[in-house]
Protein backbone atom coordinates (compact mmCIF):
# COMPACT_ATOMS: atom_id res chain seq x y z
CA UNK A 1 121.31 -62.79 -34.40
CA UNK A 2 121.60 -66.12 -35.83
CA UNK A 3 121.80 -66.15 -39.69
CA UNK A 4 118.71 -65.42 -41.49
CA UNK A 5 116.91 -67.79 -43.47
CA UNK A 6 115.17 -66.71 -46.47
CA UNK A 7 113.02 -68.66 -48.64
CA UNK A 8 113.95 -69.66 -52.15
CA UNK A 9 110.99 -68.41 -53.50
CA UNK A 10 108.48 -65.10 -52.19
CA UNK A 11 105.42 -63.87 -53.41
CA UNK A 12 103.61 -60.63 -53.58
CA UNK A 13 100.89 -58.82 -51.12
CA UNK A 14 98.32 -58.14 -53.25
CA UNK A 15 94.46 -57.43 -51.46
CA UNK A 16 96.00 -58.94 -48.25
CA UNK A 17 96.61 -62.06 -49.90
CA UNK A 18 100.34 -63.47 -50.58
CA UNK A 19 100.22 -64.36 -54.15
CA UNK A 20 102.44 -65.17 -57.39
CA UNK A 21 102.09 -63.64 -61.00
CA UNK A 22 99.54 -64.70 -62.77
CA UNK A 23 101.61 -65.60 -65.21
CA UNK A 24 104.12 -67.22 -62.78
CA UNK A 25 107.23 -64.74 -64.16
CA UNK A 26 109.34 -64.78 -61.84
CA UNK A 27 112.51 -62.54 -60.94
CA UNK A 28 116.11 -63.20 -59.33
CA UNK A 29 117.20 -61.34 -56.74
CA UNK A 30 120.76 -60.91 -56.22
CA UNK A 31 123.11 -60.29 -53.75
CA UNK A 32 125.80 -57.56 -54.87
CA UNK A 33 128.32 -59.05 -52.19
CA UNK A 34 128.82 -62.16 -54.51
CA UNK A 35 126.62 -61.96 -57.34
CA UNK A 36 124.61 -64.76 -55.85
CA UNK A 37 121.00 -65.40 -55.78
CA UNK A 38 119.38 -64.98 -52.80
CA UNK A 39 115.76 -65.60 -53.89
CA UNK A 40 113.64 -64.97 -56.74
CA UNK A 41 110.30 -62.65 -56.42
CA UNK A 42 107.39 -62.49 -58.97
CA UNK A 43 107.26 -60.50 -62.01
CA UNK A 44 104.30 -58.57 -62.24
CA UNK A 45 102.68 -57.93 -65.13
CA UNK A 46 99.45 -55.91 -66.14
CA UNK A 47 97.09 -58.59 -64.74
CA UNK A 48 98.26 -58.26 -61.58
CA UNK A 49 98.48 -54.74 -61.49
CA UNK A 50 94.76 -54.45 -62.29
CA UNK A 51 94.25 -56.53 -59.39
CA UNK A 52 95.95 -54.71 -56.98
CA UNK A 53 94.63 -51.37 -57.65
CA UNK A 54 91.02 -52.94 -58.08
CA UNK A 55 91.94 -53.80 -54.48
CA UNK A 56 93.10 -50.72 -53.51
CA UNK A 57 90.39 -48.92 -55.05
CA UNK A 58 87.60 -51.09 -53.14
CA UNK A 59 89.39 -50.61 -49.60
CA UNK A 60 89.23 -46.90 -50.41
CA UNK A 61 86.10 -46.95 -51.05
CA UNK A 62 84.86 -49.04 -47.95
CA UNK A 63 87.14 -47.05 -45.75
CA UNK A 64 85.97 -46.45 -42.00
CA UNK A 65 89.10 -45.77 -40.60
CA UNK A 66 89.07 -42.52 -38.53
CA UNK A 67 91.86 -40.43 -38.41
CA UNK A 68 92.75 -41.24 -35.06
CA UNK A 69 92.59 -45.41 -35.77
CA UNK A 70 94.91 -44.37 -38.66
CA UNK A 71 97.51 -42.53 -36.29
CA UNK A 72 97.03 -45.90 -33.91
CA UNK A 73 97.61 -48.08 -36.87
CA UNK A 74 100.88 -46.44 -37.60
CA UNK A 75 102.06 -46.22 -34.26
CA UNK A 76 102.01 -49.80 -34.47
CA UNK A 77 103.81 -49.80 -37.40
CA UNK A 78 106.64 -48.47 -36.03
CA UNK A 79 106.43 -50.75 -32.95
CA UNK A 80 107.13 -53.57 -35.33
CA UNK A 81 109.96 -52.35 -36.70
CA UNK A 82 111.54 -51.77 -33.67
CA UNK A 83 110.70 -55.38 -32.66
CA UNK A 84 111.99 -56.34 -36.06
CA UNK A 85 115.06 -53.95 -36.49
CA UNK A 86 118.06 -56.24 -36.54
CA UNK A 87 116.23 -58.45 -39.51
CA UNK A 88 115.78 -55.43 -41.45
CA UNK A 89 118.82 -54.65 -41.10
CA UNK A 90 119.77 -58.18 -42.42
CA UNK A 91 117.75 -57.96 -45.16
CA UNK A 92 119.04 -54.75 -46.34
CA UNK A 93 123.00 -55.44 -45.99
CA UNK A 94 122.00 -58.94 -48.30
CA UNK A 95 119.61 -57.12 -50.47
CA UNK A 96 121.25 -54.06 -51.07
CA UNK A 97 125.09 -54.59 -49.95
CA UNK A 98 124.65 -52.05 -47.27
CA UNK A 99 126.83 -51.97 -44.58
CA UNK A 100 125.05 -53.68 -41.23
CA UNK A 101 125.73 -51.15 -38.93
CA UNK A 102 124.78 -48.66 -41.17
CA UNK A 103 121.55 -50.10 -42.17
CA UNK A 104 120.53 -49.43 -38.40
CA UNK A 105 120.11 -45.66 -39.82
CA UNK A 106 117.89 -46.89 -42.41
CA UNK A 107 115.63 -48.59 -40.12
CA UNK A 108 115.54 -45.85 -37.11
CA UNK A 109 114.65 -43.31 -39.99
CA UNK A 110 111.72 -45.59 -41.20
CA UNK A 111 110.80 -45.66 -37.09
CA UNK A 112 111.15 -42.09 -36.63
CA UNK A 113 108.74 -41.58 -39.97
CA UNK A 114 105.71 -43.56 -39.18
CA UNK A 115 105.51 -41.96 -35.47
CA UNK A 116 105.94 -38.34 -37.15
CA UNK A 117 102.95 -39.06 -39.50
CA UNK A 118 100.89 -41.21 -36.83
CA UNK A 119 100.85 -37.56 -35.04
CA UNK A 120 99.64 -35.93 -38.14
CA UNK A 121 96.59 -37.77 -39.01
CA UNK A 122 94.35 -36.04 -36.36
CA UNK A 123 95.45 -32.65 -37.86
CA UNK A 124 94.70 -32.55 -41.46
CA UNK A 125 91.99 -30.45 -41.66
CA UNK A 126 90.61 -27.63 -43.72
CA UNK A 127 89.64 -24.10 -43.05
CA UNK A 128 86.65 -22.06 -42.85
CA UNK A 129 86.89 -19.08 -45.42
CA UNK A 130 84.69 -15.54 -44.80
CA UNK A 131 83.62 -14.71 -48.42
CA UNK A 132 81.66 -11.31 -49.41
CA UNK A 133 78.63 -12.76 -50.32
CA UNK A 134 75.92 -12.48 -47.42
CA UNK A 135 74.24 -15.60 -45.98
CA UNK A 136 76.85 -17.70 -47.49
CA UNK A 137 79.02 -20.69 -45.64
CA UNK A 138 82.33 -21.53 -47.34
CA UNK A 139 85.03 -24.40 -45.62
CA UNK A 140 87.52 -26.45 -47.51
CA UNK A 141 88.56 -29.84 -47.12
CA UNK A 142 91.78 -31.95 -46.89
CA UNK A 143 90.66 -34.91 -48.84
CA UNK A 144 92.72 -38.41 -49.89
CA UNK A 145 93.39 -38.70 -53.06
CA UNK A 146 92.70 -42.54 -53.39
CA UNK A 147 94.94 -45.55 -54.90
CA UNK A 148 98.78 -44.01 -54.85
CA UNK A 149 101.27 -45.81 -56.82
CA UNK A 150 104.70 -45.62 -55.14
CA UNK A 151 107.83 -46.38 -56.89
CA UNK A 152 111.17 -46.40 -55.08
CA UNK A 153 114.87 -47.17 -55.81
CA UNK A 154 117.82 -49.45 -54.97
CA UNK A 155 119.75 -47.41 -52.93
CA UNK A 156 117.71 -46.95 -49.65
CA UNK A 157 115.31 -49.49 -50.80
CA UNK A 158 113.45 -49.54 -47.08
CA UNK A 159 113.67 -45.61 -46.02
CA UNK A 160 112.54 -44.53 -49.61
CA UNK A 161 109.48 -46.95 -49.41
CA UNK A 162 108.61 -45.33 -45.85
CA UNK A 163 109.15 -41.70 -46.67
CA UNK A 164 106.10 -42.27 -49.24
CA UNK A 165 104.21 -44.58 -47.30
CA UNK A 166 103.81 -43.07 -44.00
CA UNK A 167 102.56 -39.71 -45.45
CA UNK A 168 100.71 -41.62 -48.11
CA UNK A 169 98.79 -43.94 -45.60
CA UNK A 170 98.00 -41.06 -42.94
CA UNK A 171 96.01 -39.21 -45.42
CA UNK A 172 94.07 -41.88 -45.58
CA UNK A 173 94.86 -42.93 -49.01
CA UNK A 174 95.81 -46.96 -50.32
CA UNK A 175 98.86 -47.84 -51.27
CA UNK A 176 100.52 -49.78 -54.44
CA UNK A 177 103.88 -50.12 -53.58
CA UNK A 178 106.57 -51.00 -56.03
CA UNK A 179 110.38 -51.60 -54.76
CA UNK A 180 112.92 -51.70 -57.30
CA UNK A 181 113.36 -54.88 -58.74
CA UNK A 182 117.10 -55.63 -57.54
CA UNK A 183 116.02 -54.58 -53.79
CA UNK A 184 112.45 -55.67 -52.77
CA UNK A 185 113.46 -57.99 -49.65
CA UNK A 186 112.45 -54.86 -47.26
CA UNK A 187 109.89 -54.09 -49.02
CA UNK A 188 107.93 -57.13 -48.40
CA UNK A 189 108.47 -57.34 -44.93
CA UNK A 190 107.28 -54.18 -44.56
CA UNK A 191 104.07 -55.48 -45.90
CA UNK A 192 103.76 -58.16 -43.24
CA UNK A 193 104.03 -55.57 -40.85
CA UNK A 194 101.43 -53.58 -41.73
CA UNK A 195 99.35 -56.53 -42.64
CA UNK A 196 100.27 -57.14 -38.88
CA UNK A 197 99.44 -54.11 -37.63
CA UNK A 198 95.92 -54.33 -38.74
CA UNK A 199 95.41 -52.46 -41.63
CA UNK A 200 92.21 -53.50 -43.49
CA UNK A 201 93.45 -55.87 -46.43
CA UNK A 202 93.65 -54.30 -49.82
CA UNK A 203 94.86 -51.03 -47.97
CA UNK A 204 98.45 -51.57 -48.65
CA UNK A 205 99.63 -53.78 -51.46
CA UNK A 206 103.48 -54.21 -52.66
CA UNK A 207 104.29 -55.81 -56.20
CA UNK A 208 107.44 -56.76 -57.80
CA UNK A 209 108.47 -56.64 -60.65
CA UNK A 210 110.72 -54.32 -63.12
CA UNK A 211 110.29 -51.01 -64.45
CA UNK A 212 109.45 -51.16 -68.00
CA UNK A 213 106.84 -53.82 -67.26
CA UNK A 214 105.63 -53.32 -63.77
CA UNK A 215 106.03 -49.72 -63.22
CA UNK A 216 104.47 -48.63 -66.45
CA UNK A 217 101.58 -50.43 -65.66
CA UNK A 218 100.81 -48.73 -62.54
CA UNK A 219 101.77 -45.20 -64.03
CA UNK A 220 99.47 -45.94 -66.77
CA UNK A 221 96.68 -46.82 -64.84
CA UNK A 222 93.43 -45.23 -65.24
CA UNK A 223 92.44 -45.63 -61.23
CA UNK A 224 95.55 -44.37 -60.29
CA UNK A 225 95.28 -41.06 -58.57
CA UNK A 226 98.89 -40.06 -58.08
CA UNK A 227 102.46 -41.62 -58.60
CA UNK A 228 105.07 -40.75 -56.17
CA UNK A 229 108.78 -41.89 -57.64
CA UNK A 230 112.02 -41.70 -56.25
CA UNK A 231 114.77 -42.43 -58.82
CA UNK A 232 116.64 -40.94 -62.18
CA UNK A 233 115.73 -37.80 -63.95
CA UNK A 234 115.36 -39.60 -67.11
CA UNK A 235 112.72 -42.26 -65.78
CA UNK A 236 111.24 -39.33 -64.00
CA UNK A 237 110.27 -37.99 -66.88
CA UNK A 238 109.10 -41.02 -68.74
CA UNK A 239 106.49 -41.31 -65.79
CA UNK A 240 105.39 -37.85 -66.43
CA UNK A 241 104.91 -38.12 -70.22
CA UNK A 242 102.77 -41.20 -69.15
CA UNK A 243 100.96 -39.74 -66.37
CA UNK A 244 99.92 -37.35 -69.18
CA UNK A 245 98.91 -39.69 -71.54
CA UNK A 246 96.72 -41.68 -69.39
CA UNK A 247 94.41 -39.66 -66.70
CA UNK A 248 96.64 -36.58 -65.64
CA UNK A 249 97.41 -38.72 -62.21
CA UNK A 250 99.23 -36.44 -60.08
CA UNK A 251 102.94 -36.50 -59.88
CA UNK A 252 105.68 -36.24 -57.32
CA UNK A 253 109.44 -36.69 -58.59
CA UNK A 254 112.55 -37.03 -56.36
CA UNK A 255 115.04 -37.21 -59.25
CA UNK A 256 119.19 -36.98 -59.66
CA UNK A 257 121.98 -34.89 -58.21
CA UNK A 258 125.19 -33.59 -58.97
CA UNK A 259 125.62 -31.89 -55.47
CA UNK A 260 128.29 -28.97 -54.67
CA UNK A 261 129.55 -28.90 -51.89
CA UNK A 262 131.76 -25.65 -50.99
CA UNK A 263 134.68 -25.38 -48.82
CA UNK A 264 135.55 -21.63 -47.84
CA UNK A 265 138.82 -20.70 -46.37
CA UNK A 266 137.41 -19.75 -42.96
CA UNK A 267 135.73 -22.82 -42.49
CA UNK A 268 137.19 -25.56 -39.86
CA UNK A 269 138.92 -27.35 -41.96
CA UNK A 270 139.45 -30.57 -39.09
CA UNK A 271 135.98 -30.86 -38.87
CA UNK A 272 135.46 -30.37 -42.89
CA UNK A 273 138.02 -33.23 -43.60
CA UNK A 274 136.29 -35.53 -40.92
CA UNK A 275 132.60 -34.94 -42.90
CA UNK A 276 134.01 -34.77 -46.34
CA UNK A 277 134.99 -38.36 -46.73
CA UNK A 278 131.46 -39.18 -45.92
CA UNK A 279 130.08 -36.63 -47.74
CA UNK A 280 131.74 -37.65 -50.79
CA UNK A 281 131.52 -41.97 -50.43
CA UNK A 282 128.51 -42.61 -48.21
CA UNK A 283 126.66 -45.47 -49.35
CA UNK A 284 129.46 -46.33 -51.90
CA UNK A 285 128.57 -43.33 -53.50
CA UNK A 286 124.71 -44.61 -54.57
CA UNK A 287 122.91 -41.42 -53.16
CA UNK A 288 121.74 -38.44 -54.89
CA UNK A 289 122.33 -36.22 -52.63
CA UNK A 290 126.02 -37.05 -51.98
CA UNK A 291 128.08 -33.93 -52.41
CA UNK A 292 129.93 -35.32 -55.35
CA UNK A 293 131.10 -31.97 -56.44
CA UNK A 294 133.59 -31.14 -54.50
CA UNK A 295 134.57 -27.12 -54.35
CA UNK A 296 137.64 -25.99 -52.13
CA UNK A 297 138.79 -22.46 -51.60
CA UNK A 298 142.42 -22.12 -53.04
CA UNK A 299 144.11 -20.91 -49.81
CA UNK A 300 142.56 -24.18 -48.29
CA UNK A 301 142.86 -26.65 -51.36
CA UNK A 302 145.68 -28.50 -50.74
CA UNK A 303 145.32 -29.14 -46.89
CA UNK A 304 141.41 -30.67 -47.56
CA UNK A 305 142.67 -32.73 -50.66
CA UNK A 306 145.34 -34.11 -48.84
CA UNK A 307 142.92 -34.40 -45.58
CA UNK A 308 140.30 -36.42 -48.55
CA UNK A 309 142.80 -38.82 -49.80
CA UNK A 310 144.34 -39.71 -46.60
CA UNK A 311 140.72 -40.72 -44.71
CA UNK A 312 139.96 -42.57 -47.92
CA UNK A 313 142.93 -44.53 -48.01
CA UNK A 314 141.61 -45.35 -44.42
CA UNK A 315 138.09 -46.68 -45.54
CA UNK A 316 137.45 -50.82 -45.23
CA UNK A 317 135.55 -52.42 -48.07
CA UNK A 318 133.74 -55.18 -47.98
CA UNK A 319 130.65 -57.51 -47.92
CA UNK A 320 128.05 -55.52 -46.31
CA UNK A 321 126.79 -57.90 -43.42
CA UNK A 322 130.51 -57.63 -41.70
CA UNK A 323 129.93 -53.77 -41.42
CA UNK A 324 132.80 -52.75 -43.77
CA UNK A 325 132.83 -48.73 -44.52
CA UNK A 326 131.86 -49.13 -47.77
CA UNK A 327 129.94 -52.11 -49.43
CA UNK A 328 129.65 -52.87 -53.02
CA UNK A 329 127.46 -51.19 -55.71
CA UNK A 330 123.97 -52.81 -56.51
CA UNK A 331 124.48 -54.67 -59.76
CA UNK A 332 127.06 -55.27 -62.57
CA UNK A 333 125.39 -52.80 -64.46
CA UNK A 334 125.67 -49.98 -62.28
CA UNK A 335 129.33 -51.06 -61.43
CA UNK A 336 129.86 -51.13 -65.18
CA UNK A 337 128.15 -47.82 -65.88
CA UNK A 338 130.50 -46.25 -62.78
CA UNK A 339 133.64 -47.87 -64.12
CA UNK A 340 132.74 -46.56 -67.76
CA UNK A 341 132.86 -42.90 -65.91
CA UNK A 342 136.19 -43.38 -64.33
CA UNK A 343 137.57 -44.99 -67.65
CA UNK A 344 136.50 -41.22 -68.87
CA UNK A 345 137.73 -39.26 -66.16
CA UNK A 346 141.13 -40.78 -66.61
CA UNK A 347 141.23 -39.06 -70.10
CA UNK A 348 139.88 -35.71 -69.33
CA UNK A 349 140.43 -34.99 -65.72
CA UNK A 350 143.46 -36.04 -63.15
CA UNK A 351 143.17 -39.03 -61.21
CA UNK A 352 143.80 -38.61 -57.53
CA UNK A 353 143.20 -41.43 -56.02
CA UNK A 354 141.58 -45.14 -56.64
CA UNK A 355 139.79 -45.95 -59.72
CA UNK A 356 139.76 -49.16 -60.34
CA UNK A 357 137.25 -52.50 -59.76
CA UNK A 358 138.43 -54.07 -56.82
CA UNK A 359 140.07 -58.04 -57.06
CA UNK A 360 141.25 -60.32 -54.79
CA UNK A 361 138.96 -61.67 -51.99
CA UNK A 362 136.00 -59.07 -53.37
CA UNK A 363 136.67 -59.96 -57.18
CA UNK A 364 133.20 -61.92 -57.10
CA UNK A 365 131.28 -58.76 -56.13
CA UNK A 366 130.40 -55.62 -57.53
CA UNK A 367 133.35 -53.69 -55.83
CA UNK A 368 135.03 -50.35 -57.20
CA UNK A 369 137.42 -48.79 -55.00
CA UNK A 370 136.25 -45.08 -53.89
CA UNK A 371 137.98 -42.59 -56.76
CA UNK A 372 138.91 -39.08 -56.43
CA UNK A 373 139.46 -36.78 -59.47
CA UNK A 374 140.73 -33.19 -59.86
CA UNK A 375 139.66 -30.59 -62.63
CA UNK A 376 139.52 -27.07 -63.25
CA UNK A 377 136.25 -27.62 -66.07
CA UNK A 378 133.10 -27.87 -65.14
CA UNK A 379 131.80 -28.46 -68.77
CA UNK A 380 133.19 -32.24 -68.15
CA UNK A 381 130.98 -35.31 -68.40
CA UNK A 382 132.12 -36.71 -64.86
CA UNK A 383 131.29 -32.88 -63.20
CA UNK A 384 127.50 -32.32 -64.98
CA UNK A 385 126.23 -36.40 -65.00
CA UNK A 386 125.49 -37.94 -62.02
CA UNK A 387 127.64 -41.04 -61.63
CA UNK A 388 125.97 -42.75 -58.97
CA UNK A 389 129.00 -44.48 -57.52
CA UNK A 390 131.95 -43.63 -55.16
CA UNK A 391 133.46 -40.99 -57.43
CA UNK A 392 134.30 -37.35 -56.46
CA UNK A 393 135.22 -34.45 -58.50
CA UNK A 394 137.27 -32.10 -56.75
CA UNK A 395 137.96 -28.32 -58.09
CA UNK A 396 139.29 -24.86 -56.44
CA UNK A 397 137.79 -21.73 -56.11
CA UNK A 398 139.05 -17.97 -55.80
CA UNK A 399 135.78 -16.07 -54.22
CA UNK A 400 131.85 -15.99 -53.80
CA UNK A 401 130.74 -14.81 -56.68
CA UNK A 402 132.72 -17.43 -58.53
CA UNK A 403 131.66 -20.52 -57.00
CA UNK A 404 127.82 -19.50 -56.27
CA UNK A 405 128.08 -19.57 -60.16
CA UNK A 406 129.85 -22.63 -60.63
CA UNK A 407 127.55 -24.49 -57.92
CA UNK A 408 124.38 -23.68 -60.13
CA UNK A 409 125.99 -24.64 -63.31
CA UNK A 410 124.04 -27.64 -63.47
CA UNK A 411 120.58 -29.54 -64.87
CA UNK A 412 120.28 -30.58 -61.03
CA UNK A 413 119.25 -28.58 -57.96
CA UNK A 414 118.90 -31.54 -55.41
CA UNK A 415 120.91 -30.33 -52.51
CA UNK A 416 124.26 -28.19 -51.56
CA UNK A 417 126.26 -27.70 -48.66
CA UNK A 418 129.00 -24.93 -47.64
CA UNK A 419 131.65 -24.18 -44.88
CA UNK A 420 132.15 -21.23 -43.19
CA UNK A 421 132.31 -19.07 -39.69
CA UNK A 422 131.37 -16.28 -41.36
CA UNK A 423 127.02 -16.29 -40.69
CA UNK A 424 126.45 -13.53 -43.13
CA UNK A 425 128.22 -15.45 -46.11
CA UNK A 426 126.76 -18.26 -44.91
CA UNK A 427 123.39 -17.11 -45.53
CA UNK A 428 124.36 -15.01 -48.19
CA UNK A 429 125.52 -17.90 -50.23
CA UNK A 430 122.71 -20.31 -49.24
CA UNK A 431 119.92 -18.05 -50.52
CA UNK A 432 121.31 -17.98 -54.02
CA UNK A 433 122.33 -21.61 -54.23
CA UNK A 434 119.76 -23.30 -56.74
CA UNK A 435 118.84 -26.43 -54.37
CA UNK A 436 116.14 -27.33 -52.46
CA UNK A 437 118.11 -28.27 -49.56
CA UNK A 438 121.30 -26.54 -48.14
CA UNK A 439 123.43 -27.15 -45.62
CA UNK A 440 125.78 -25.20 -43.74
CA UNK A 441 128.92 -26.69 -41.94
CA UNK A 442 127.17 -30.23 -41.97
CA UNK A 443 126.18 -32.63 -44.44
CA UNK A 444 123.24 -34.82 -44.86
CA UNK A 445 121.06 -33.75 -42.11
CA UNK A 446 117.73 -35.22 -42.16
CA UNK A 447 114.32 -34.85 -40.11
CA UNK A 448 111.06 -36.06 -40.63
CA UNK A 449 109.70 -32.72 -39.94
CA UNK A 450 111.96 -30.97 -42.48
CA UNK A 451 110.56 -30.50 -46.21
CA UNK A 452 113.21 -32.60 -49.08
CA UNK A 453 113.19 -32.40 -53.02
CA UNK A 454 114.77 -30.58 -55.69
CA UNK A 455 115.03 -27.64 -57.88
CA UNK A 456 115.17 -27.95 -61.71
CA UNK A 457 115.65 -31.87 -63.18
CA UNK A 458 115.72 -33.05 -59.96
CA UNK A 459 112.14 -33.25 -59.17
CA UNK A 460 109.49 -31.82 -58.12
CA UNK A 461 107.28 -31.70 -54.95
CA UNK A 462 108.48 -32.33 -51.15
CA UNK A 463 108.77 -35.10 -49.09
CA UNK A 464 108.23 -35.07 -45.48
CA UNK A 465 107.18 -32.73 -42.96
CA UNK A 466 103.63 -30.92 -44.12
CA UNK A 467 104.79 -30.85 -47.14
CA UNK A 468 104.63 -34.64 -47.71
CA UNK A 469 100.64 -33.76 -46.13
CA UNK A 470 100.07 -31.56 -49.14
CA UNK A 471 101.15 -34.28 -51.99
CA UNK A 472 98.90 -36.91 -50.80
CA UNK A 473 95.91 -34.85 -50.28
CA UNK A 474 93.62 -32.63 -52.37
CA UNK A 475 91.40 -29.63 -51.10
CA UNK A 476 87.98 -29.22 -51.74
CA UNK A 477 85.97 -25.95 -51.13
CA UNK A 478 82.07 -26.51 -50.09
CA UNK A 479 79.89 -23.38 -50.15
CA UNK A 480 76.47 -23.52 -48.65
CA UNK A 481 73.77 -20.80 -48.60
CA UNK A 482 72.03 -20.31 -45.44
C-alpha cells in the first residue's frame, strides 16, 4: 500500500455530519515514533456533547430498524473493515506506534466481533414466566438502554472501541464514542464505515477531546443512560462518582491489572520461554492483561529467567510502520512515567536487563528498552502498581500454597496465567486465583464469545460473549390479567 496521506485537520462525527467543535478549539495528534504532529482533531466541550446526545436520543426514539436489519448492517461494517484493513493498520501504527504487522490482529479482532454480534441481534429475547396467580400472563423483555457513552483507551484504540460498539449497536442502542485524545484516528474512520454501512444519522457519533473536558461532559450528561469505560482504575473511580452524582446511569468498567504469570516446575519450559517474552512485553507493555508479575518455581527459576533475558535481548525495537517486535510508548508523559518506575526499581530491586530510554536513531521518539527486575518482596511499588510499560518483575516461589497467596496479593484481578502439566493442579490453582480470566499453558487468548473483565479494582461487568448483551440491555417484566 502506498504511503497514506492524512489531512492536517480532521472533524468529528455528530448527527451524521462531520463537524468542528463549536468553540473551534483543537488537539494535536502526535506520532509517538518521532514526536511529530500527524493532524489535529476537535476538542469537544459540553455544548458539543449536548448536540451529540440530542442527536443520538432522537435517533433512538425514531429507530425503526428490525433486529434482522441491525444484524445485516453489522455484517456490512465487518465487510468494510475487511476492505479497509490495511488502511486501518497504517492509521493504528502511525497514531499508536503499534508495529504494523501486529495491527493486523487488532483489525481482524474487530471484524470477528462485528460478525459475532451481528448474529446476536435476532437472539435477544425475554421469557414467559409461570406465576402462582391465576389468569395472569407474565413475560419479560430485554430492551436497549438508549444513548450509551463509550470511552476507550489508547493502547488498543480500534479494538477497544469495537468491543463496546458492536454489542451496543446489536442491542439497539445509539452511541457516543470518545476515543482517547492521543489516538482518535481509527475511531473516526470507524465512524465513516458505520455511516457507509447504512446506519441512520445520529445512531453512531464520534466525539474527540480530553477526558477532563469531553469525557466528563459525557459521563455527567443527564440523557446518557450508560457509560462503558476502559482505562485506569483511578479514572474509573471518578466515573462512578460522576455517574452517581448525575442520573445514576449504569456503569461498566474494565480497568487496570497487574497480572500474575505462574510457572510451575513441571511446566513445558521451552513453551514457557517462547511465550513469556510476549506475555511480558507485547505492545511495549501497554496492555492491562500482561503478565507483569512473573513467578517462577525455584527449581526452574534460573533456567526461565535466563531464557527470558535471552529472548528479550533479541527483540527488535523501532517505528511501528517498519513492523519491529516493539514500538514506542504512546506519549512523552507515559514514557516519563515508566522511566520513573524504572528509576525506583533500580533502588528497590535487582535490574536484570534494560532499564533505559533508547537513544541513537530512536532518540526523537518515546522508546524505552524492555526491562526485567528480580525481587523477593511483593510489597514493592514496582510489584504492586501498574506501570503500563515494558517492565516485568520476576520472583521465585517454593510451593502451591505460597504462590496462590502471593498471586492474590494485589488490588487488581484482571487476568492470570499458570503453566503446568498437572491437570488437577491447573484447575485447583485456577479456581483459587482472584481474577476474571485465568489462562492455563497459554497467554492472552481471546474470542468474541468469551466474557472478559476483572475482579476487585480491575473493574465490574464483562465485555464480550453474551455478558456484553447484558451490559447493553435492561429487563422489563410485563403482567397481563387474562
